[in-house]
Amino acid sequence: MEQYAQHVPGFLDKAEFDRDYIAREQVEQRLQLLDSITEQLSDTKVLLDHDNYHNAISFYRNIRFLSEENVPGTNVVYEDMKQFFIIPQQPQSPPPPPSNSDNPQG
């Protein structure tokens, strides 16, 4: 607006505009900083989740082994934990398509 001050309408408060513009830049800088902090925290959480998951799996496998070895007190822990470590069944693969020798029209 400074370059074309002659075209600024009289009802526009230029000083208010300038204050708003500066405030907007300050807010944008803070938002960028917050975005950066949020991304860093999210990345840290992912790493912690990974570590916790693998440690939990290790603990579960050890409890399962001890339970199979009939170590006293481990069966109850194993039974409580196994609901969280269910391995999904692999889907059955579809049968192969018929070969041309099986097709009388082929």
N, C-alpha and C. Protein backbone atom coordinates (compact mmCIF):
# COMPACT_ATOMS: atom_id res chain seq x y z
N MET A 1 0.81 -1.19 0.00
CA MET A 1 0.00 0.00 0.00
C MET A 1 0.86 1.26 0.00
N GLU A 2 2.06 1.14 0.58
CA GLU A 2 2.92 2.31 0.62
C GLU A 2 3.27 2.80 -0.78
N GLN A 3 3.42 1.88 -1.71
CA GLN A 3 3.78 2.25 -3.08
C GLN A 3 2.67 3.02 -3.78
N TYR A 4 1.43 2.76 -3.38
CA TYR A 4 0.28 3.39 -4.04
C TYR A 4 -0.62 4.06 -3.01
N ALA A 5 -0.02 4.86 -2.15
CA ALA A 5 -0.76 5.52 -1.07
C ALA A 5 -1.92 6.36 -1.59
N GLN A 6 -1.78 6.88 -2.80
CA GLN A 6 -2.84 7.72 -3.36
C GLN A 6 -4.10 6.92 -3.67
N HIS A 7 -3.98 5.60 -3.74
CA HIS A 7 -5.14 4.77 -4.08
C HIS A 7 -5.78 4.11 -2.85
N VAL A 8 -5.23 4.35 -1.67
CA VAL A 8 -5.80 3.77 -0.45
C VAL A 8 -7.07 4.55 -0.11
N PRO A 9 -8.21 3.86 0.01
CA PRO A 9 -9.45 4.57 0.32
C PRO A 9 -9.37 5.23 1.70
N GLY A 10 -10.04 6.34 1.84
CA GLY A 10 -10.01 7.10 3.07
C GLY A 10 -10.58 6.36 4.27
N PHE A 11 -11.52 5.45 4.03
CA PHE A 11 -12.14 4.73 5.14
C PHE A 11 -11.25 3.61 5.67
N LEU A 12 -10.14 3.29 4.98
CA LEU A 12 -9.24 2.23 5.42
C LEU A 12 -8.24 2.81 6.41
N ASP A 13 -8.14 2.19 7.57
CA ASP A 13 -7.20 2.63 8.60
C ASP A 13 -5.87 1.95 8.35
N LYS A 14 -4.95 2.64 7.71
CA LYS A 14 -3.65 2.08 7.32
C LYS A 14 -2.84 1.65 8.54
N ALA A 15 -2.88 2.42 9.61
CA ALA A 15 -2.14 2.05 10.82
C ALA A 15 -2.67 0.74 11.40
N GLU A 16 -3.99 0.56 11.39
CA GLU A 16 -4.58 -0.70 11.87
C GLU A 16 -4.19 -1.85 10.95
N PHE A 17 -4.19 -1.61 9.66
CA PHE A 17 -3.77 -2.62 8.69
C PHE A 17 -2.34 -3.07 8.98
N ASP A 18 -1.45 -2.11 9.20
CA ASP A 18 -0.04 -2.43 9.47
C ASP A 18 0.11 -3.25 10.75
N ARG A 19 -0.63 -2.89 11.80
CA ARG A 19 -0.58 -3.64 13.05
C ARG A 19 -1.09 -5.07 12.84
N ASP A 20 -2.18 -5.19 12.11
CA ASP A 20 -2.73 -6.52 11.82
C ASP A 20 -1.76 -7.37 11.01
N TYR A 21 -1.09 -6.74 10.07
CA TYR A 21 -0.15 -7.46 9.21
C TYR A 21 1.03 -7.98 10.04
N ILE A 22 1.55 -7.12 10.91
CA ILE A 22 2.67 -7.53 11.77
C ILE A 22 2.24 -8.64 12.72
N ALA A 23 1.05 -8.50 13.31
CA ALA A 23 0.53 -9.53 14.21
C ALA A 23 0.34 -10.84 13.48
N ARG A 24 -0.15 -10.78 12.25
CA ARG A 24 -0.35 -11.98 11.45
C ARG A 24 0.98 -12.69 11.20
N GLU A 25 2.03 -11.94 10.89
CA GLU A 25 3.35 -12.54 10.67
C GLU A 25 3.86 -13.21 11.95
N GLN A 26 3.64 -12.56 13.09
CA GLN A 26 4.08 -13.12 14.36
C GLN A 26 3.33 -14.41 14.67
N VAL A 27 2.03 -14.41 14.42
CA VAL A 27 1.23 -15.61 14.64
C VAL A 27 1.70 -16.73 13.71
N GLU A 28 1.96 -16.40 12.45
CA GLU A 28 2.42 -17.41 11.50
C GLU A 28 3.74 -18.03 11.95
N GLN A 29 4.67 -17.22 12.43
CA GLN A 29 5.95 -17.74 12.92
C GLN A 29 5.73 -18.69 14.09
N ARG A 30 4.83 -18.34 14.98
CA ARG A 30 4.55 -19.20 16.13
C ARG A 30 3.88 -20.50 15.68
N LEU A 31 3.00 -20.40 14.72
CA LEU A 31 2.35 -21.62 14.19
C LEU A 31 3.37 -22.55 13.55
N GLN A 32 4.31 -21.99 12.82
CA GLN A 32 5.36 -22.81 12.21
C GLN A 32 6.20 -23.49 13.28
N LEU A 33 6.51 -22.77 14.34
CA LEU A 33 7.27 -23.35 15.45
C LEU A 33 6.46 -24.46 16.12
N LEU A 34 5.17 -24.20 16.34
CA LEU A 34 4.31 -25.24 16.93
C LEU A 34 4.21 -26.46 16.03
N ASP A 35 4.11 -26.25 14.72
CA ASP A 35 4.07 -27.38 13.78
C ASP A 35 5.34 -28.21 13.90
N SER A 36 6.47 -27.54 14.00
CA SER A 36 7.74 -28.23 14.14
C SER A 36 7.79 -29.04 15.44
N ILE A 37 7.36 -28.42 16.52
CA ILE A 37 7.34 -29.11 17.82
C ILE A 37 6.38 -30.29 17.77
N THR A 38 5.21 -30.09 17.18
CA THR A 38 4.22 -31.17 17.06
C THR A 38 4.79 -32.34 16.27
N GLU A 39 5.47 -32.05 15.17
CA GLU A 39 6.06 -33.12 14.36
C GLU A 39 7.15 -33.86 15.15
N GLN A 40 7.97 -33.13 15.88
CA GLN A 40 9.02 -33.76 16.68
C GLN A 40 8.42 -34.65 17.77
N LEU A 41 7.38 -34.16 18.43
CA LEU A 41 6.72 -34.96 19.46
C LEU A 41 6.07 -36.20 18.86
N SER A 42 5.44 -36.04 17.71
CA SER A 42 4.80 -37.18 17.04
C SER A 42 5.85 -38.23 16.65
N ASP A 43 6.97 -37.78 16.10
CA ASP A 43 8.04 -38.71 15.73
C ASP A 43 8.59 -39.43 16.96
N THR A 44 8.75 -38.71 18.05
CA THR A 44 9.23 -39.32 19.29
C THR A 44 8.25 -40.36 19.78
N LYS A 45 6.95 -40.05 19.71
CA LYS A 45 5.93 -40.99 20.13
C LYS A 45 5.98 -42.27 19.30
N VAL A 46 6.17 -42.12 17.99
CA VAL A 46 6.26 -43.30 17.12
C VAL A 46 7.44 -44.18 17.55
N LEU A 47 8.57 -43.57 17.83
CA LEU A 47 9.73 -44.35 18.27
C LEU A 47 9.47 -45.03 19.61
N LEU A 48 8.84 -44.32 20.52
CA LEU A 48 8.51 -44.92 21.82
C LEU A 48 7.51 -46.05 21.67
N ASP A 49 6.50 -45.85 20.81
CA ASP A 49 5.54 -46.92 20.54
C ASP A 49 6.25 -48.16 20.00
N HIS A 50 7.18 -47.95 19.10
CA HIS A 50 7.94 -49.06 18.51
C HIS A 50 8.71 -49.81 19.60
N ASP A 51 9.43 -49.06 20.42
CA ASP A 51 10.19 -49.69 21.50
C ASP A 51 9.28 -50.44 22.47
N ASN A 52 8.19 -49.80 22.88
CA ASN A 52 7.26 -50.44 23.81
C ASN A 52 6.65 -51.70 23.22
N TYR A 53 6.29 -51.65 21.96
CA TYR A 53 5.68 -52.81 21.31
C TYR A 53 6.66 -53.99 21.29
N HIS A 54 7.88 -53.71 20.89
CA HIS A 54 8.86 -54.82 20.81
C HIS A 54 9.22 -55.35 22.19
N ASN A 55 9.29 -54.49 23.19
CA ASN A 55 9.55 -54.96 24.55
C ASN A 55 8.37 -55.78 25.08
N ALA A 56 7.16 -55.35 24.76
CA ALA A 56 5.97 -56.10 25.19
C ALA A 56 5.94 -57.47 24.52
N ILE A 57 6.29 -57.53 23.24
CA ILE A 57 6.35 -58.82 22.53
C ILE A 57 7.39 -59.73 23.18
N SER A 58 8.55 -59.18 23.50
CA SER A 58 9.60 -59.98 24.15
C SER A 58 9.13 -60.52 25.49
N PHE A 59 8.48 -59.66 26.27
CA PHE A 59 7.96 -60.10 27.57
C PHE A 59 6.91 -61.19 27.38
N TYR A 60 6.01 -60.98 26.43
CA TYR A 60 4.97 -61.98 26.17
C TYR A 60 5.57 -63.31 25.75
N ARG A 61 6.53 -63.28 24.85
CA ARG A 61 7.16 -64.52 24.40
C ARG A 61 7.85 -65.24 25.55
N ASN A 62 8.47 -64.47 26.44
CA ASN A 62 9.12 -65.08 27.59
C ASN A 62 8.09 -65.71 28.53
N ILE A 63 6.99 -65.00 28.77
CA ILE A 63 5.92 -65.55 29.61
C ILE A 63 5.33 -66.81 28.97
N ARG A 64 5.14 -66.77 27.66
CA ARG A 64 4.60 -67.95 26.96
C ARG A 64 5.55 -69.14 27.13
N PHE A 65 6.86 -68.89 26.94
CA PHE A 65 7.85 -69.96 27.11
C PHE A 65 7.82 -70.50 28.54
N LEU A 66 7.81 -69.58 29.53
CA LEU A 66 7.81 -70.02 30.93
C LEU A 66 6.53 -70.79 31.25
N SER A 67 5.41 -70.38 30.68
CA SER A 67 4.15 -71.08 30.89
C SER A 67 4.22 -72.49 30.29
N GLU A 68 4.81 -72.60 29.10
CA GLU A 68 4.96 -73.92 28.47
C GLU A 68 5.89 -74.82 29.28
N GLU A 69 6.81 -74.21 30.03
CA GLU A 69 7.73 -74.97 30.89
C GLU A 69 7.14 -75.20 32.28
N ASN A 70 5.88 -74.80 32.45
CA ASN A 70 5.14 -74.97 33.70
C ASN A 70 5.80 -74.28 34.89
N VAL A 71 6.35 -73.10 34.65
CA VAL A 71 6.90 -72.30 35.75
C VAL A 71 5.71 -71.77 36.55
N PRO A 72 5.70 -71.99 37.86
CA PRO A 72 4.56 -71.59 38.68
C PRO A 72 4.23 -70.10 38.53
N GLY A 73 2.93 -69.82 38.40
CA GLY A 73 2.44 -68.45 38.32
C GLY A 73 2.43 -67.85 36.94
N THR A 74 3.05 -68.50 35.97
CA THR A 74 3.12 -67.89 34.63
C THR A 74 1.90 -68.21 33.77
N ASN A 75 1.18 -69.28 34.07
CA ASN A 75 0.01 -69.63 33.26
C ASN A 75 -1.05 -68.54 33.32
N VAL A 76 -1.28 -68.00 34.51
CA VAL A 76 -2.29 -66.96 34.67
C VAL A 76 -1.89 -65.72 33.88
N VAL A 77 -0.62 -65.34 33.97
CA VAL A 77 -0.14 -64.16 33.25
C VAL A 77 -0.25 -64.39 31.75
N TYR A 78 0.13 -65.57 31.31
CA TYR A 78 0.06 -65.90 29.88
C TYR A 78 -1.39 -65.84 29.39
N GLU A 79 -2.30 -66.42 30.13
CA GLU A 79 -3.71 -66.43 29.73
C GLU A 79 -4.27 -65.00 29.66
N ASP A 80 -3.85 -64.14 30.58
CA ASP A 80 -4.29 -62.75 30.55
C ASP A 80 -3.73 -62.00 29.35
N MET A 81 -2.48 -62.31 29.00
CA MET A 81 -1.80 -61.55 27.95
C MET A 81 -2.12 -62.02 26.54
N LYS A 82 -2.41 -63.29 26.36
CA LYS A 82 -2.51 -63.82 24.99
C LYS A 82 -3.61 -63.18 24.17
N GLN A 83 -4.62 -62.61 24.82
CA GLN A 83 -5.68 -61.94 24.07
C GLN A 83 -5.16 -60.72 23.31
N PHE A 84 -4.03 -60.16 23.76
CA PHE A 84 -3.47 -58.97 23.11
C PHE A 84 -2.48 -59.31 22.00
N PHE A 85 -2.17 -60.58 21.85
CA PHE A 85 -1.16 -60.99 20.88
C PHE A 85 -1.69 -62.09 19.97
N ILE A 86 -2.90 -61.92 19.51
CA ILE A 86 -3.52 -62.90 18.61
C ILE A 86 -2.93 -62.71 17.23
N ILE A 87 -2.48 -63.81 16.66
CA ILE A 87 -1.93 -63.78 15.30
C ILE A 87 -3.07 -64.08 14.34
N PRO A 88 -3.38 -63.15 13.44
CA PRO A 88 -4.49 -63.39 12.51
C PRO A 88 -4.17 -64.55 11.57
N GLN A 89 -5.20 -65.28 11.25
CA GLN A 89 -5.06 -66.40 10.31
C GLN A 89 -4.76 -65.86 8.92
N GLN A 90 -3.88 -66.52 8.21
CA GLN A 90 -3.59 -66.16 6.83
C GLN A 90 -4.80 -66.55 5.98
N PRO A 91 -5.24 -65.66 5.10
CA PRO A 91 -6.38 -66.04 4.24
C PRO A 91 -5.98 -67.18 3.31
N GLN A 92 -6.95 -68.02 3.06
CA GLN A 92 -6.72 -69.13 2.14
C GLN A 92 -6.52 -68.57 0.74
N SER A 93 -5.50 -69.04 0.05
CA SER A 93 -5.29 -68.56 -1.32
C SER A 93 -6.33 -69.21 -2.22
N PRO A 94 -6.81 -68.44 -3.21
CA PRO A 94 -7.83 -68.98 -4.11
C PRO A 94 -7.24 -70.11 -4.94
N PRO A 95 -8.10 -71.02 -5.36
CA PRO A 95 -7.58 -72.11 -6.20
C PRO A 95 -7.05 -71.56 -7.52
N PRO A 96 -6.05 -72.21 -8.09
CA PRO A 96 -5.51 -71.71 -9.36
C PRO A 96 -6.55 -71.83 -10.46
N PRO A 97 -6.47 -70.95 -11.46
CA PRO A 97 -7.43 -71.03 -12.56
C PRO A 97 -7.22 -72.34 -13.32
N PRO A 98 -8.28 -72.85 -13.92
CA PRO A 98 -8.14 -74.11 -14.65
C PRO A 98 -7.19 -73.93 -15.84
N SER A 99 -6.41 -74.96 -16.09
CA SER A 99 -5.50 -74.90 -17.24
C SER A 99 -6.27 -75.19 -18.53
N ASN A 100 -5.68 -74.90 -19.66
CA ASN A 100 -6.36 -75.12 -20.95
C ASN A 100 -6.67 -76.59 -21.17
N SER A 101 -5.85 -77.50 -20.60
CA SER A 101 -6.12 -78.92 -20.80
C SER A 101 -7.39 -79.34 -20.06
N ASP A 102 -7.78 -78.58 -19.03
CA ASP A 102 -9.00 -78.88 -18.31
C ASP A 102 -10.23 -78.32 -19.01
N ASN A 103 -10.02 -77.41 -19.96
CA ASN A 103 -11.11 -76.73 -20.62
C ASN A 103 -11.37 -77.42 -21.96
N PRO A 104 -12.52 -78.06 -22.16
CA PRO A 104 -12.77 -78.77 -23.42
C PRO A 104 -12.86 -77.83 -24.62
N GLN A 105 -13.11 -76.55 -24.39
CA GLN A 105 -13.22 -75.63 -25.53
C GLN A 105 -11.87 -75.06 -25.93
N GLY A 106 -10.81 -75.22 -25.12
CA GLY A 106 -9.56 -74.55 -25.27
C GLY A 106 -8.65 -75.12 -26.22
